[in-house]
Amino acid sequence: MNAQSTTGIFKQAAGASIGWGVAMIVLGILALFLPLATGIGVSIAVGWIIVFSGIAYVASAFAARGAGSFLWRALIGGVYIFGGLYMTFNPGLALESLTLAMAVMFLFEGVLETVVFFQFRIMPGSGWVLFDGVVTLFLAYLIWRPWPGSSIWAIGTIFGINLITSGFTRLMYSVAARRTLEAVS
């Protein structure tokens, strides 16, 4: 009877995971249709994360042993709080900054992946590393070239694609897990 209840719990968990997968896919599609709103939402969320990080930094200042250490931690925490609040209440500017940062990040990633390809080109499958590097460089160009205009679509579109991909992956492995559990019981 214990195995039955354990299997039932796993079936429930797989069912909940299927529900989350479907919700992620729906939210990803919505993000694709509303990329600017999604980008603004992401900017605001990042701003609040930075604010809470600043609060944690200030709180850690009270664990400092000396006055100098306390002062530096408190000042750094204050900068985080100020910067996070600025991002939160100026999401358009934050969105432009995040978009530029993403383009730069893709540029470096694409260059590094291309370099890695040339170091490991004799390995089987290394062509995929080059493919990934070229696509990443192309994405960097697509985002950087029309920047700041790309701020309207880049973050929201990439976030939406990520949600759809993650939701689809969750859905597929949850369905497979549920089928396996049904075959066992």
C-alpha atoms as a PDB file:
ATOM      1  CA  MET A   1       0.000   0.000   0.000  1.00  0.00           C
ATOM      2  CA  ASN A   2       2.932   2.315   0.646  1.00  0.00           C
ATOM      3  CA  ALA A   3       4.170   1.872  -2.936  1.00  0.00           C
ATOM      4  CA  GLN A   4       0.682   2.697  -4.214  1.00  0.00           C
ATOM      5  CA  SER A   5       0.569   5.967  -2.299  1.00  0.00           C
ATOM      6  CA  THR A   6       4.081   6.872  -3.419  1.00  0.00           C
ATOM      7  CA  THR A   7       3.127   6.225  -7.051  1.00  0.00           C
ATOM      8  CA  GLY A   8       0.006   8.339  -6.560  1.00  0.00           C
ATOM      9  CA  ILE A   9       2.066  11.200  -5.167  1.00  0.00           C
ATOM     10  CA  PHE A  10       4.431  11.008  -8.144  1.00  0.00           C
ATOM     11  CA  LYS A  11       1.446  10.977 -10.540  1.00  0.00           C
ATOM     12  CA  GLN A  12       0.074  14.105  -8.853  1.00  0.00           C
ATOM     13  CA  ALA A  13       3.466  15.789  -9.097  1.00  0.00           C
ATOM     14  CA  ALA A  14       3.697  14.880 -12.783  1.00  0.00           C
ATOM     15  CA  GLY A  15       0.207  16.287 -13.319  1.00  0.00           C
ATOM     16  CA  ALA A  16       1.137  19.544 -11.609  1.00  0.00           C
ATOM     17  CA  SER A  17       4.310  19.701 -13.685  1.00  0.00           C
ATOM     18  CA  ILE A  18       2.250  19.219 -16.862  1.00  0.00           C
ATOM     19  CA  GLY A  19       0.059  22.123 -15.741  1.00  0.00           C
ATOM     20  CA  TRP A  20       3.113  24.329 -15.157  1.00  0.00           C
ATOM     21  CA  GLY A  21       4.482  23.380 -18.569  1.00  0.00           C
ATOM     22  CA  VAL A  22       1.256  24.382 -20.300  1.00  0.00           C
ATOM     23  CA  ALA A  23       1.139  27.650 -18.300  1.00  0.00           C
ATOM     24  CA  MET A  24       4.733  28.445 -19.298  1.00  0.00           C
ATOM     25  CA  ILE A  25       3.914  27.841 -22.967  1.00  0.00           C
ATOM     26  CA  VAL A  26       0.846  30.103 -22.785  1.00  0.00           C
ATOM     27  CA  LEU A  27       2.822  32.838 -20.996  1.00  0.00           C
ATOM     28  CA  GLY A  28       5.628  32.486 -23.541  1.00  0.00           C
ATOM     29  CA  ILE A  29       3.194  32.962 -26.426  1.00  0.00           C
ATOM     30  CA  LEU A  30       1.726  35.974 -24.633  1.00  0.00           C
ATOM     31  CA  ALA A  31       5.252  37.379 -24.179  1.00  0.00           C
ATOM     32  CA  LEU A  32       5.879  36.971 -27.917  1.00  0.00           C
ATOM     33  CA  PHE A  33       2.730  38.945 -28.708  1.00  0.00           C
ATOM     34  CA  LEU A  34       3.553  41.624 -26.104  1.00  0.00           C
ATOM     35  CA  PRO A  35       7.356  41.914 -26.193  1.00  0.00           C
ATOM     36  CA  LEU A  36       7.530  45.534 -24.972  1.00  0.00           C
ATOM     37  CA  ALA A  37       5.272  44.884 -21.979  1.00  0.00           C
ATOM     38  CA  THR A  38       7.252  41.738 -21.194  1.00  0.00           C
ATOM     39  CA  GLY A  39      10.540  43.622 -21.454  1.00  0.00           C
ATOM     40  CA  ILE A  40       9.252  46.347 -19.136  1.00  0.00           C
ATOM     41  CA  GLY A  41       8.113  43.663 -16.684  1.00  0.00           C
ATOM     42  CA  VAL A  42      11.517  41.982 -16.786  1.00  0.00           C
ATOM     43  CA  SER A  43      13.221  45.366 -16.217  1.00  0.00           C
ATOM     44  CA  ILE A  44      11.039  46.077 -13.197  1.00  0.00           C
ATOM     45  CA  ALA A  45      11.672  42.587 -11.807  1.00  0.00           C
ATOM     46  CA  VAL A  46      15.441  43.007 -12.230  1.00  0.00           C
ATOM     47  CA  GLY A  47      15.194  46.404 -10.512  1.00  0.00           C
ATOM     48  CA  TRP A  48      13.465  44.866  -7.496  1.00  0.00           C
ATOM     49  CA  ILE A  49      15.982  42.037  -7.339  1.00  0.00           C
ATOM     50  CA  ILE A  50      18.745  44.646  -7.192  1.00  0.00           C
ATOM     51  CA  VAL A  51      16.858  46.547  -4.446  1.00  0.00           C
ATOM     52  CA  PHE A  52      16.531  43.399  -2.337  1.00  0.00           C
ATOM     53  CA  SER A  53      20.188  42.604  -2.937  1.00  0.00           C
ATOM     54  CA  GLY A  54      21.037  46.090  -1.656  1.00  0.00           C
ATOM     55  CA  ILE A  55      18.912  45.550   1.429  1.00  0.00           C
ATOM     56  CA  ALA A  56      20.758  42.272   2.070  1.00  0.00           C
ATOM     57  CA  TYR A  57      24.061  44.098   1.607  1.00  0.00           C
ATOM     58  CA  VAL A  58      23.071  46.766   4.140  1.00  0.00           C
ATOM     59  CA  ALA A  59      21.907  44.059   6.546  1.00  0.00           C
ATOM     60  CA  SER A  60      25.261  42.299   6.183  1.00  0.00           C
ATOM     61  CA  ALA A  61      26.989  45.569   7.094  1.00  0.00           C
ATOM     62  CA  PHE A  62      25.807  45.074  10.649  1.00  0.00           C
ATOM     63  CA  ALA A  63      27.885  41.894  10.819  1.00  0.00           C
ATOM     64  CA  ALA A  64      31.033  43.840   9.917  1.00  0.00           C
ATOM     65  CA  ARG A  65      33.798  43.939  12.505  1.00  0.00           C
ATOM     66  CA  GLY A  66      35.080  47.452  11.907  1.00  0.00           C
ATOM     67  CA  ALA A  67      33.605  50.851  11.195  1.00  0.00           C
ATOM     68  CA  GLY A  68      35.295  51.031   7.791  1.00  0.00           C
ATOM     69  CA  SER A  69      33.928  47.678   6.711  1.00  0.00           C
ATOM     70  CA  PHE A  70      30.472  48.661   7.975  1.00  0.00           C
ATOM     71  CA  LEU A  71      30.595  51.949   6.073  1.00  0.00           C
ATOM     72  CA  TRP A  72      31.685  50.369   2.782  1.00  0.00           C
ATOM     73  CA  ARG A  73      29.060  47.630   2.945  1.00  0.00           C
ATOM     74  CA  ALA A  74      26.363  50.122   3.839  1.00  0.00           C
ATOM     75  CA  LEU A  75      27.416  52.461   1.011  1.00  0.00           C
ATOM     76  CA  ILE A  76      27.515  49.648  -1.550  1.00  0.00           C
ATOM     77  CA  GLY A  77      24.117  48.454  -0.350  1.00  0.00           C
ATOM     78  CA  GLY A  78      22.810  51.991  -0.672  1.00  0.00           C
ATOM     79  CA  VAL A  79      24.071  52.198  -4.248  1.00  0.00           C
ATOM     80  CA  TYR A  80      22.325  48.912  -5.048  1.00  0.00           C
ATOM     81  CA  ILE A  81      19.091  50.149  -3.480  1.00  0.00           C
ATOM     82  CA  PHE A  82      19.269  53.482  -5.305  1.00  0.00           C
ATOM     83  CA  GLY A  83      20.157  51.841  -8.634  1.00  0.00           C
ATOM     84  CA  GLY A  84      17.450  49.203  -8.271  1.00  0.00           C
ATOM     85  CA  LEU A  85      14.812  51.789  -7.416  1.00  0.00           C
ATOM     86  CA  TYR A  86      15.959  53.921 -10.346  1.00  0.00           C
ATOM     87  CA  MET A  87      15.569  50.913 -12.655  1.00  0.00           C
ATOM     88  CA  THR A  88      12.197  50.049 -11.151  1.00  0.00           C
ATOM     89  CA  PHE A  89      10.779  53.533 -11.613  1.00  0.00           C
ATOM     90  CA  ASN A  90      12.455  54.138 -15.012  1.00  0.00           C
ATOM     91  CA  PRO A  91      11.783  50.804 -16.718  1.00  0.00           C
ATOM     92  CA  GLY A  92      12.204  52.168 -20.247  1.00  0.00           C
ATOM     93  CA  LEU A  93      15.762  53.274 -19.549  1.00  0.00           C
ATOM     94  CA  ALA A  94      16.425  50.032 -17.703  1.00  0.00           C
ATOM     95  CA  LEU A  95      15.082  48.070 -20.673  1.00  0.00           C
ATOM     96  CA  GLU A  96      17.459  49.896 -23.028  1.00  0.00           C
ATOM     97  CA  SER A  97      20.384  49.173 -20.719  1.00  0.00           C
ATOM     98  CA  LEU A  98      19.481  45.496 -20.343  1.00  0.00           C
ATOM     99  CA  THR A  99      19.091  45.170 -24.102  1.00  0.00           C
ATOM    100  CA  LEU A 100      22.526  46.650 -24.749  1.00  0.00           C
ATOM    101  CA  ALA A 101      24.031  44.435 -22.048  1.00  0.00           C
ATOM    102  CA  MET A 102      22.413  41.403 -23.672  1.00  0.00           C
ATOM    103  CA  ALA A 103      23.837  42.343 -27.096  1.00  0.00           C
ATOM    104  CA  VAL A 104      27.326  42.707 -25.604  1.00  0.00           C
ATOM    105  CA  MET A 105      26.942  39.406 -23.758  1.00  0.00           C
ATOM    106  CA  PHE A 106      25.883  37.657 -26.980  1.00  0.00           C
ATOM    107  CA  LEU A 107      28.824  39.226 -28.808  1.00  0.00           C
ATOM    108  CA  PHE A 108      31.343  37.866 -26.287  1.00  0.00           C
ATOM    109  CA  GLU A 109      29.615  34.488 -26.157  1.00  0.00           C
ATOM    110  CA  GLY A 110      29.652  34.199 -29.952  1.00  0.00           C
ATOM    111  CA  VAL A 111      33.329  35.134 -30.171  1.00  0.00           C
ATOM    112  CA  LEU A 112      34.270  32.671 -27.420  1.00  0.00           C
ATOM    113  CA  GLU A 113      32.271  29.840 -28.989  1.00  0.00           C
ATOM    114  CA  THR A 114      33.960  30.496 -32.334  1.00  0.00           C
ATOM    115  CA  VAL A 115      37.380  30.402 -30.662  1.00  0.00           C
ATOM    116  CA  VAL A 116      36.436  27.143 -28.922  1.00  0.00           C
ATOM    117  CA  PHE A 117      35.442  25.671 -32.289  1.00  0.00           C
ATOM    118  CA  PHE A 118      38.868  26.395 -33.743  1.00  0.00           C
ATOM    119  CA  GLN A 119      40.524  24.758 -30.745  1.00  0.00           C
ATOM    120  CA  PHE A 120      38.383  21.605 -30.948  1.00  0.00           C
ATOM    121  CA  ARG A 121      37.482  21.448 -34.658  1.00  0.00           C
ATOM    122  CA  ILE A 122      38.837  17.898 -35.006  1.00  0.00           C
ATOM    123  CA  MET A 123      36.339  16.621 -32.416  1.00  0.00           C
ATOM    124  CA  PRO A 124      33.132  15.024 -33.680  1.00  0.00           C
ATOM    125  CA  GLY A 125      30.207  17.405 -33.441  1.00  0.00           C
ATOM    126  CA  SER A 126      32.382  20.494 -33.126  1.00  0.00           C
ATOM    127  CA  GLY A 127      30.558  22.026 -36.068  1.00  0.00           C
ATOM    128  CA  TRP A 128      27.594  22.595 -33.742  1.00  0.00           C
ATOM    129  CA  VAL A 129      29.780  24.805 -31.564  1.00  0.00           C
ATOM    130  CA  LEU A 130      30.625  26.914 -34.618  1.00  0.00           C
ATOM    131  CA  PHE A 131      26.951  26.992 -35.605  1.00  0.00           C
ATOM    132  CA  ASP A 132      26.017  28.155 -32.100  1.00  0.00           C
ATOM    133  CA  GLY A 133      28.744  30.801 -32.182  1.00  0.00           C
ATOM    134  CA  VAL A 134      27.657  32.159 -35.565  1.00  0.00           C
ATOM    135  CA  VAL A 135      23.976  32.260 -34.568  1.00  0.00           C
ATOM    136  CA  THR A 136      24.873  33.988 -31.298  1.00  0.00           C
ATOM    137  CA  LEU A 137      26.977  36.566 -33.165  1.00  0.00           C
ATOM    138  CA  PHE A 138      24.068  37.111 -35.549  1.00  0.00           C
ATOM    139  CA  LEU A 139      21.702  37.644 -32.600  1.00  0.00           C
ATOM    140  CA  ALA A 140      24.149  40.144 -31.108  1.00  0.00           C
ATOM    141  CA  TYR A 141      24.169  42.022 -34.404  1.00  0.00           C
ATOM    142  CA  LEU A 142      20.358  41.915 -34.691  1.00  0.00           C
ATOM    143  CA  ILE A 143      20.029  43.422 -31.215  1.00  0.00           C
ATOM    144  CA  TRP A 144      22.934  45.878 -31.338  1.00  0.00           C
ATOM    145  CA  ARG A 145      22.495  47.318 -34.844  1.00  0.00           C
ATOM    146  CA  PRO A 146      19.075  48.955 -34.308  1.00  0.00           C
ATOM    147  CA  TRP A 147      19.681  49.639 -30.606  1.00  0.00           C
ATOM    148  CA  PRO A 148      17.964  51.357 -28.723  1.00  0.00           C
ATOM    149  CA  GLY A 149      15.052  50.519 -31.038  1.00  0.00           C
ATOM    150  CA  SER A 150      15.632  46.821 -30.454  1.00  0.00           C
ATOM    151  CA  SER A 151      14.746  47.394 -26.795  1.00  0.00           C
ATOM    152  CA  ILE A 152      11.102  47.272 -27.865  1.00  0.00           C
ATOM    153  CA  TRP A 153      11.270  43.612 -28.882  1.00  0.00           C
ATOM    154  CA  ALA A 154      14.535  41.917 -27.850  1.00  0.00           C
ATOM    155  CA  ILE A 155      14.152  41.127 -24.137  1.00  0.00           C
ATOM    156  CA  GLY A 156      10.450  40.246 -24.390  1.00  0.00           C
ATOM    157  CA  THR A 157      10.927  38.066 -27.460  1.00  0.00           C
ATOM    158  CA  ILE A 158      13.881  36.166 -26.033  1.00  0.00           C
ATOM    159  CA  PHE A 159      12.063  35.758 -22.698  1.00  0.00           C
ATOM    160  CA  GLY A 160       8.984  34.452 -24.546  1.00  0.00           C
ATOM    161  CA  ILE A 161      11.020  31.970 -26.579  1.00  0.00           C
ATOM    162  CA  ASN A 162      12.713  30.792 -23.388  1.00  0.00           C
ATOM    163  CA  LEU A 163       9.353  30.308 -21.650  1.00  0.00           C
ATOM    164  CA  ILE A 164       7.965  28.340 -24.591  1.00  0.00           C
ATOM    165  CA  THR A 165      11.078  26.153 -24.824  1.00  0.00           C
ATOM    166  CA  SER A 166      11.205  25.524 -21.082  1.00  0.00           C
ATOM    167  CA  GLY A 167       7.453  24.908 -20.917  1.00  0.00           C
ATOM    168  CA  PHE A 168       7.570  22.463 -23.823  1.00  0.00           C
ATOM    169  CA  THR A 169      10.513  20.636 -22.245  1.00  0.00           C
ATOM    170  CA  ARG A 170       8.708  20.437 -18.886  1.00  0.00           C
ATOM    171  CA  LEU A 171       5.541  19.231 -20.588  1.00  0.00           C
ATOM    172  CA  MET A 172       7.335  16.491 -22.533  1.00  0.00           C
ATOM    173  CA  TYR A 173       9.319  15.057 -19.627  1.00  0.00           C
ATOM    174  CA  SER A 174       6.307  15.270 -17.317  1.00  0.00           C
ATOM    175  CA  VAL A 175       4.120  13.399 -19.799  1.00  0.00           C
ATOM    176  CA  ALA A 176       6.874  10.780 -20.173  1.00  0.00           C
ATOM    177  CA  ALA A 177       7.154  10.452 -16.388  1.00  0.00           C
ATOM    178  CA  ARG A 178       3.400  10.074 -16.029  1.00  0.00           C
ATOM    179  CA  ARG A 179       3.323   7.370 -18.737  1.00  0.00           C
ATOM    180  CA  THR A 180       6.145   5.536 -17.006  1.00  0.00           C
ATOM    181  CA  LEU A 181       4.296   5.696 -13.676  1.00  0.00           C
ATOM    182  CA  GLU A 182       1.102   4.418 -15.284  1.00  0.00           C
ATOM    183  CA  ALA A 183       2.993   1.510 -16.867  1.00  0.00           C
ATOM    184  CA  VAL A 184       4.503   0.604 -13.480  1.00  0.00           C
ATOM    185  CA  SER A 185       1.189   0.597 -11.612  1.00  0.00           C
END
